C-alpha atoms as a PDB file:
ATOM      1  CA  MET A   1       5.051  38.077  67.318  1.00  0.00           C
ATOM      2  CA  ILE A   2       6.239  41.569  66.663  1.00  0.00           C
ATOM      3  CA  LYS A   3       8.348  43.380  69.062  1.00  0.00           C
ATOM      4  CA  GLY A   4       7.921  46.974  70.227  1.00  0.00           C
ATOM      5  CA  THR A   5      11.094  49.114  70.468  1.00  0.00           C
ATOM      6  CA  ASP A   6      11.082  48.859  74.145  1.00  0.00           C
ATOM      7  CA  GLY A   7      11.307  44.967  73.746  1.00  0.00           C
ATOM      8  CA  HIS A   8       7.878  44.244  74.782  1.00  0.00           C
ATOM      9  CA  GLN A   9       5.308  42.410  72.629  1.00  0.00           C
ATOM     10  CA  ASP A  10       3.396  44.506  70.048  1.00  0.00           C
ATOM     11  CA  PRO A  11       0.842  42.543  68.330  1.00  0.00           C
ATOM     12  CA  THR A  12      -1.035  43.593  65.396  1.00  0.00           C
ATOM     13  CA  GLN A  13      -4.587  44.227  66.145  1.00  0.00           C
ATOM     14  CA  ASN A  14      -5.176  41.072  64.239  1.00  0.00           C
ATOM     15  CA  GLU A  15      -3.090  38.795  66.459  1.00  0.00           C
ATOM     16  CA  LEU A  16      -4.506  40.523  69.555  1.00  0.00           C
ATOM     17  CA  LEU A  17      -7.973  39.841  68.698  1.00  0.00           C
ATOM     18  CA  TYR A  18      -7.010  36.381  67.751  1.00  0.00           C
ATOM     19  CA  TYR A  19      -5.229  35.878  71.132  1.00  0.00           C
ATOM     20  CA  TYR A  20      -8.198  37.093  73.150  1.00  0.00           C
ATOM     21  CA  THR A  21     -10.934  35.008  71.089  1.00  0.00           C
ATOM     22  CA  LYS A  22      -9.249  32.112  69.486  1.00  0.00           C
ATOM     23  CA  GLU A  23     -11.497  29.515  71.332  1.00  0.00           C
ATOM     24  CA  ILE A  24     -14.455  31.274  69.983  1.00  0.00           C
ATOM     25  CA  LEU A  25     -13.253  31.812  66.133  1.00  0.00           C
ATOM     26  CA  ASN A  26     -11.968  27.916  66.183  1.00  0.00           C
ATOM     27  CA  ASN A  27     -15.387  26.799  67.350  1.00  0.00           C
ATOM     28  CA  ASP A  28     -17.382  25.176  64.400  1.00  0.00           C
ATOM     29  CA  ASP A  29     -21.067  26.703  65.698  1.00  0.00           C
ATOM     30  CA  PHE A  30     -19.548  30.222  65.500  1.00  0.00           C
ATOM     31  CA  HIS A  31     -18.818  29.765  62.082  1.00  0.00           C
ATOM     32  CA  LEU A  32     -22.404  28.988  61.369  1.00  0.00           C
ATOM     33  CA  LEU A  33     -23.118  32.701  61.611  1.00  0.00           C
ATOM     34  CA  LYS A  34     -21.356  32.864  58.262  1.00  0.00           C
ATOM     35  CA  ASN A  35     -24.594  31.354  56.689  1.00  0.00           C
ATOM     36  CA  ILE A  36     -26.943  33.854  58.749  1.00  0.00           C
ATOM     37  CA  PRO A  37     -27.678  37.527  56.792  1.00  0.00           C
ATOM     38  CA  ASN A  38     -27.542  40.496  59.050  1.00  0.00           C
ATOM     39  CA  HIS A  39     -27.272  44.301  57.691  1.00  0.00           C
ATOM     40  CA  GLY A  40     -27.508  44.731  53.915  1.00  0.00           C
ATOM     41  CA  SER A  41     -25.314  42.062  52.392  1.00  0.00           C
ATOM     42  CA  THR A  42     -22.992  41.441  55.648  1.00  0.00           C
ATOM     43  CA  ASP A  43     -23.344  38.148  57.116  1.00  0.00           C
ATOM     44  CA  LEU A  44     -23.347  37.775  61.101  1.00  0.00           C
ATOM     45  CA  PHE A  45     -20.170  36.445  61.145  1.00  0.00           C
ATOM     46  CA  THR A  46     -18.538  39.465  59.660  1.00  0.00           C
ATOM     47  CA  HIS A  47     -20.617  41.860  61.659  1.00  0.00           C
ATOM     48  CA  CYS A  48     -19.311  40.326  64.887  1.00  0.00           C
ATOM     49  CA  ILE A  49     -15.758  40.350  63.808  1.00  0.00           C
ATOM     50  CA  ASN A  50     -16.361  44.273  62.881  1.00  0.00           C
ATOM     51  CA  VAL A  51     -18.073  45.138  66.261  1.00  0.00           C
ATOM     52  CA  SER A  52     -15.344  43.071  68.159  1.00  0.00           C
ATOM     53  CA  THR A  53     -12.543  44.610  66.296  1.00  0.00           C
ATOM     54  CA  LYS A  54     -13.612  48.089  66.823  1.00  0.00           C
ATOM     55  CA  SER A  55     -14.653  47.802  70.195  1.00  0.00           C
ATOM     56  CA  MET A  56     -11.350  46.160  71.260  1.00  0.00           C
ATOM     57  CA  ARG A  57      -9.404  49.081  69.778  1.00  0.00           C
ATOM     58  CA  ILE A  58     -11.522  52.052  71.460  1.00  0.00           C
ATOM     59  CA  CYS A  59     -10.873  50.159  74.821  1.00  0.00           C
ATOM     60  CA  GLN A  60      -7.196  50.154  74.189  1.00  0.00           C
ATOM     61  CA  LYS A  61      -6.985  53.503  73.487  1.00  0.00           C
ATOM     62  CA  ILE A  62      -8.876  54.916  76.487  1.00  0.00           C
ATOM     63  CA  GLY A  63      -6.829  52.118  78.850  1.00  0.00           C
ATOM     64  CA  ILE A  64      -9.850  49.948  79.689  1.00  0.00           C
ATOM     65  CA  ASP A  65     -10.572  45.822  79.307  1.00  0.00           C
ATOM     66  CA  ALA A  66      -9.898  45.608  75.648  1.00  0.00           C
ATOM     67  CA  LYS A  67     -10.389  41.741  76.003  1.00  0.00           C
ATOM     68  CA  ALA A  68     -13.698  41.759  77.427  1.00  0.00           C
ATOM     69  CA  ALA A  69     -14.848  43.967  75.003  1.00  0.00           C
ATOM     70  CA  SER A  70     -13.307  41.908  72.197  1.00  0.00           C
ATOM     71  CA  ARG A  71     -14.793  38.818  73.569  1.00  0.00           C
ATOM     72  CA  GLY A  72     -18.385  40.409  74.575  1.00  0.00           C
ATOM     73  CA  GLY A  73     -18.571  41.892  70.900  1.00  0.00           C
ATOM     74  CA  LEU A  74     -17.864  38.827  69.118  1.00  0.00           C
ATOM     75  CA  LEU A  75     -20.483  36.973  70.780  1.00  0.00           C
ATOM     76  CA  HIS A  76     -23.014  39.961  71.011  1.00  0.00           C
ATOM     77  CA  ASP A  77     -24.995  38.331  68.168  1.00  0.00           C
ATOM     78  CA  PHE A  78     -24.483  34.576  68.651  1.00  0.00           C
ATOM     79  CA  TYR A  79     -27.918  33.436  67.684  1.00  0.00           C
ATOM     80  CA  LEU A  80     -28.275  30.618  65.116  1.00  0.00           C
ATOM     81  CA  TYR A  81     -31.280  31.662  63.299  1.00  0.00           C
ATOM     82  CA  ASP A  82     -32.534  33.866  60.608  1.00  0.00           C
ATOM     83  CA  TRP A  83     -35.444  36.078  62.342  1.00  0.00           C
ATOM     84  CA  ARG A  84     -36.021  37.457  58.722  1.00  0.00           C
ATOM     85  CA  LYS A  85     -37.491  34.296  57.812  1.00  0.00           C
ATOM     86  CA  GLY A  86     -39.671  34.023  60.906  1.00  0.00           C
ATOM     87  CA  GLU A  87     -37.399  31.798  62.658  1.00  0.00           C
ATOM     88  CA  GLY A  88     -36.547  32.289  66.484  1.00  0.00           C
ATOM     89  CA  PRO A  89     -38.517  32.922  69.445  1.00  0.00           C
ATOM     90  CA  GLY A  90     -40.025  36.377  67.937  1.00  0.00           C
ATOM     91  CA  LEU A  91     -39.366  39.806  69.324  1.00  0.00           C
ATOM     92  CA  HIS A  92     -36.001  39.352  68.193  1.00  0.00           C
ATOM     93  CA  GLY A  93     -34.642  42.852  68.812  1.00  0.00           C
ATOM     94  CA  PHE A  94     -35.743  42.551  72.513  1.00  0.00           C
ATOM     95  CA  ARG A  95     -34.938  39.031  73.175  1.00  0.00           C
ATOM     96  CA  HIS A  96     -31.656  38.010  71.122  1.00  0.00           C
ATOM     97  CA  GLY A  97     -29.204  39.507  73.531  1.00  0.00           C
ATOM     98  CA  LYS A  98     -30.418  36.848  76.085  1.00  0.00           C
ATOM     99  CA  ILE A  99     -30.593  34.214  73.567  1.00  0.00           C
ATOM    100  CA  SER A 100     -26.992  35.043  72.594  1.00  0.00           C
ATOM    101  CA  LEU A 101     -25.798  34.773  76.102  1.00  0.00           C
ATOM    102  CA  SER A 102     -27.504  31.454  76.317  1.00  0.00           C
ATOM    103  CA  GLU A 103     -25.593  30.228  73.198  1.00  0.00           C
ATOM    104  CA  SER A 104     -22.240  31.549  74.372  1.00  0.00           C
ATOM    105  CA  GLN A 105     -22.360  29.999  77.910  1.00  0.00           C
ATOM    106  CA  LYS A 106     -23.214  26.721  76.422  1.00  0.00           C
ATOM    107  CA  ARG A 107     -19.797  26.778  74.568  1.00  0.00           C
ATOM    108  CA  PHE A 108     -17.306  29.184  76.512  1.00  0.00           C
ATOM    109  CA  GLU A 109     -16.065  30.117  79.799  1.00  0.00           C
ATOM    110  CA  LEU A 110     -17.189  33.914  80.238  1.00  0.00           C
ATOM    111  CA  THR A 111     -16.697  36.637  82.914  1.00  0.00           C
ATOM    112  CA  GLU A 112     -19.454  38.520  84.565  1.00  0.00           C
ATOM    113  CA  LYS A 113     -18.466  41.321  82.617  1.00  0.00           C
ATOM    114  CA  GLU A 114     -18.408  39.626  78.993  1.00  0.00           C
ATOM    115  CA  LYS A 115     -21.837  38.159  80.016  1.00  0.00           C
ATOM    116  CA  ASN A 116     -23.251  41.522  80.784  1.00  0.00           C
ATOM    117  CA  ILE A 117     -21.839  42.784  77.604  1.00  0.00           C
ATOM    118  CA  ILE A 118     -23.675  40.239  75.489  1.00  0.00           C
ATOM    119  CA  LEU A 119     -26.952  40.549  77.468  1.00  0.00           C
ATOM    120  CA  ARG A 120     -27.395  44.297  77.290  1.00  0.00           C
ATOM    121  CA  HIS A 121     -25.667  45.188  74.155  1.00  0.00           C
ATOM    122  CA  MET A 122     -29.238  46.212  72.544  1.00  0.00           C
ATOM    123  CA  TRP A 123     -29.542  49.136  74.923  1.00  0.00           C
ATOM    124  CA  PRO A 124     -31.421  51.864  74.487  1.00  0.00           C
ATOM    125  CA  LEU A 125     -33.911  49.643  72.829  1.00  0.00           C
ATOM    126  CA  THR A 126     -33.872  47.506  76.015  1.00  0.00           C
ATOM    127  CA  PRO A 127     -34.380  49.418  79.142  1.00  0.00           C
ATOM    128  CA  ILE A 128     -31.270  48.333  81.147  1.00  0.00           C
ATOM    129  CA  PRO A 129     -28.004  49.601  80.285  1.00  0.00           C
ATOM    130  CA  PRO A 130     -24.696  47.589  80.296  1.00  0.00           C
ATOM    131  CA  SER A 131     -23.011  47.836  83.730  1.00  0.00           C
ATOM    132  CA  SER A 132     -19.506  48.687  82.541  1.00  0.00           C
ATOM    133  CA  LEU A 133     -17.889  51.339  80.196  1.00  0.00           C
ATOM    134  CA  GLU A 134     -16.712  48.319  77.846  1.00  0.00           C
ATOM    135  CA  GLY A 135     -20.337  47.297  77.461  1.00  0.00           C
ATOM    136  CA  LEU A 136     -21.474  50.757  76.473  1.00  0.00           C
ATOM    137  CA  ILE A 137     -18.819  50.815  73.866  1.00  0.00           C
ATOM    138  CA  VAL A 138     -19.853  47.619  72.239  1.00  0.00           C
ATOM    139  CA  SER A 139     -23.698  48.715  72.028  1.00  0.00           C
ATOM    140  CA  ILE A 140     -22.382  52.047  70.623  1.00  0.00           C
ATOM    141  CA  VAL A 141     -20.141  50.361  68.135  1.00  0.00           C
ATOM    142  CA  ASP A 142     -22.764  47.610  67.350  1.00  0.00           C
ATOM    143  CA  LYS A 143     -25.055  50.566  66.144  1.00  0.00           C
ATOM    144  CA  ILE A 144     -22.306  52.330  64.059  1.00  0.00           C
ATOM    145  CA  CYS A 145     -21.310  49.103  62.417  1.00  0.00           C
ATOM    146  CA  ALA A 146     -24.805  48.255  61.401  1.00  0.00           C
ATOM    147  CA  VAL A 147     -25.063  51.628  59.703  1.00  0.00           C
ATOM    148  CA  GLU A 148     -21.526  51.172  57.847  1.00  0.00           C
ATOM    149  CA  GLU A 149     -22.853  47.646  56.825  1.00  0.00           C
ATOM    150  CA  ILE A 150     -26.591  48.740  55.421  1.00  0.00           C
ATOM    151  CA  PHE A 151     -24.828  51.376  53.532  1.00  0.00           C
ATOM    152  CA  HIS A 152     -21.901  49.257  52.519  1.00  0.00           C
ATOM    153  CA  LEU A 153     -19.237  51.424  53.853  1.00  0.00           C
ATOM    154  CA  ASP A 154     -16.873  48.388  55.114  1.00  0.00           C
ATOM    155  CA  ASP A 155     -17.255  46.184  51.915  1.00  0.00           C
ATOM    156  CA  HIS A 156     -14.026  47.167  50.388  1.00  0.00           C
ATOM    157  CA  TYR A 157     -11.842  46.604  53.623  1.00  0.00           C
ATOM    158  CA  SER A 158     -13.533  43.654  55.397  1.00  0.00           C
ATOM    159  CA  SER A 159     -14.250  40.945  52.462  1.00  0.00           C
ATOM    160  CA  ASN A 160     -11.047  39.062  52.962  1.00  0.00           C
ATOM    161  CA  PHE A 161     -10.714  40.128  56.477  1.00  0.00           C
ATOM    162  CA  GLN A 162     -12.592  37.049  58.166  1.00  0.00           C
ATOM    163  CA  ASP A 163     -10.411  34.324  56.748  1.00  0.00           C
ATOM    164  CA  ASP A 164      -7.349  36.402  57.209  1.00  0.00           C
ATOM    165  CA  LEU A 165      -7.947  36.837  60.857  1.00  0.00           C
ATOM    166  CA  VAL A 166      -8.322  33.112  61.455  1.00  0.00           C
ATOM    167  CA  THR A 167      -5.226  31.524  59.385  1.00  0.00           C
ATOM    168  CA  ARG A 168      -2.723  34.649  59.822  1.00  0.00           C
ATOM    169  CA  GLY A 169      -1.490  36.962  62.433  1.00  0.00           C
ATOM    170  CA  GLU A 170      -0.879  39.934  60.442  1.00  0.00           C
ATOM    171  CA  LEU A 171      -3.348  42.702  59.090  1.00  0.00           C
ATOM    172  CA  SER A 172      -3.927  43.042  55.420  1.00  0.00           C
ATOM    173  CA  SER A 173      -2.432  46.265  53.970  1.00  0.00           C
ATOM    174  CA  LYS A 174      -6.162  47.351  52.971  1.00  0.00           C
ATOM    175  CA  TRP A 175      -7.235  46.832  56.384  1.00  0.00           C
ATOM    176  CA  LYS A 176      -4.259  48.742  57.847  1.00  0.00           C
ATOM    177  CA  LEU A 177      -5.198  51.767  55.520  1.00  0.00           C
ATOM    178  CA  TYR A 178      -8.761  51.371  56.687  1.00  0.00           C
ATOM    179  CA  LEU A 179      -7.932  51.736  60.357  1.00  0.00           C
ATOM    180  CA  PHE A 180      -5.574  54.536  59.635  1.00  0.00           C
ATOM    181  CA  HIS A 181      -8.541  56.513  57.927  1.00  0.00           C
ATOM    182  CA  LYS A 182     -10.737  55.714  60.710  1.00  0.00           C
ATOM    183  CA  LYS A 183      -9.046  58.021  63.438  1.00  0.00           C
ATOM    184  CA  LEU A 184     -11.795  60.187  63.633  1.00  0.00           C
ATOM    185  CA  PHE A 185     -14.220  57.466  64.522  1.00  0.00           C
ATOM    186  CA  PHE A 186     -12.157  56.739  67.369  1.00  0.00           C
ATOM    187  CA  ILE A 187     -11.714  60.334  68.554  1.00  0.00           C
ATOM    188  CA  LYS A 188     -15.700  60.379  68.166  1.00  0.00           C
ATOM    189  CA  ALA A 189     -16.210  57.374  70.080  1.00  0.00           C
ATOM    190  CA  ARG A 190     -13.706  58.301  72.906  1.00  0.00           C
ATOM    191  CA  VAL A 191     -15.889  61.717  73.485  1.00  0.00           C
ATOM    192  CA  VAL A 192     -19.177  59.560  73.507  1.00  0.00           C
ATOM    193  CA  ALA A 193     -17.379  57.013  75.850  1.00  0.00           C
ATOM    194  CA  SER A 194     -16.283  59.405  78.187  1.00  0.00           C
ATOM    195  CA  ARG A 195     -19.794  61.171  78.582  1.00  0.00           C
ATOM    196  CA  PHE A 196     -21.383  57.781  79.050  1.00  0.00           C
ATOM    197  CA  GLN A 197     -18.713  57.065  82.003  1.00  0.00           C
ATOM    198  CA  ALA A 198     -19.731  60.604  83.793  1.00  0.00           C
ATOM    199  CA  LEU A 199     -23.244  59.477  83.085  1.00  0.00           C
ATOM    200  CA  ILE A 200     -23.021  56.002  84.937  1.00  0.00           C
ATOM    201  CA  THR A 201     -20.578  57.328  87.598  1.00  0.00           C
ATOM    202  CA  GLY A 202     -22.704  60.287  88.844  1.00  0.00           C
END
């Protein structure tokens, strides 16, 4: 574990995500998501890693519950079927939040906030918004990641990240460079998040 200049632990983002979510990342069923296509050429496992990592970083930056965002973000699409092949119950966009929550609860102990993040992440497609700012951030980041993945904006940086995350506690230099150049993303996300917070607090 890396120490900061003040003597406190200063883990990399990779280490921190693994610390928050290790029982999920070490679960065999969760790794089945690698076999399920998602946006473009991105598999569902990689998409969930992307959403979890970016949501966690935003919540860290604005001083809210990064752990809940990382766990809820990782499990937001935890469904074990390929809806593009006609698998699953139908009306996937509206129903998979509830399905993901059900699959998650079978395997992991979740807080009420984490449950709500998973259940409500498809807002505004579904009518009821998340009950927390962390949930709103995951919902927004999910859409941003979908666009990035559809247009292959993350391919260069995330191709080796998922294995690195599980086996090492250190970010690759490419991923560090990517995060460095994404500062504008976090600034924009913080503005959006503050506006949503104002909206839900009246």
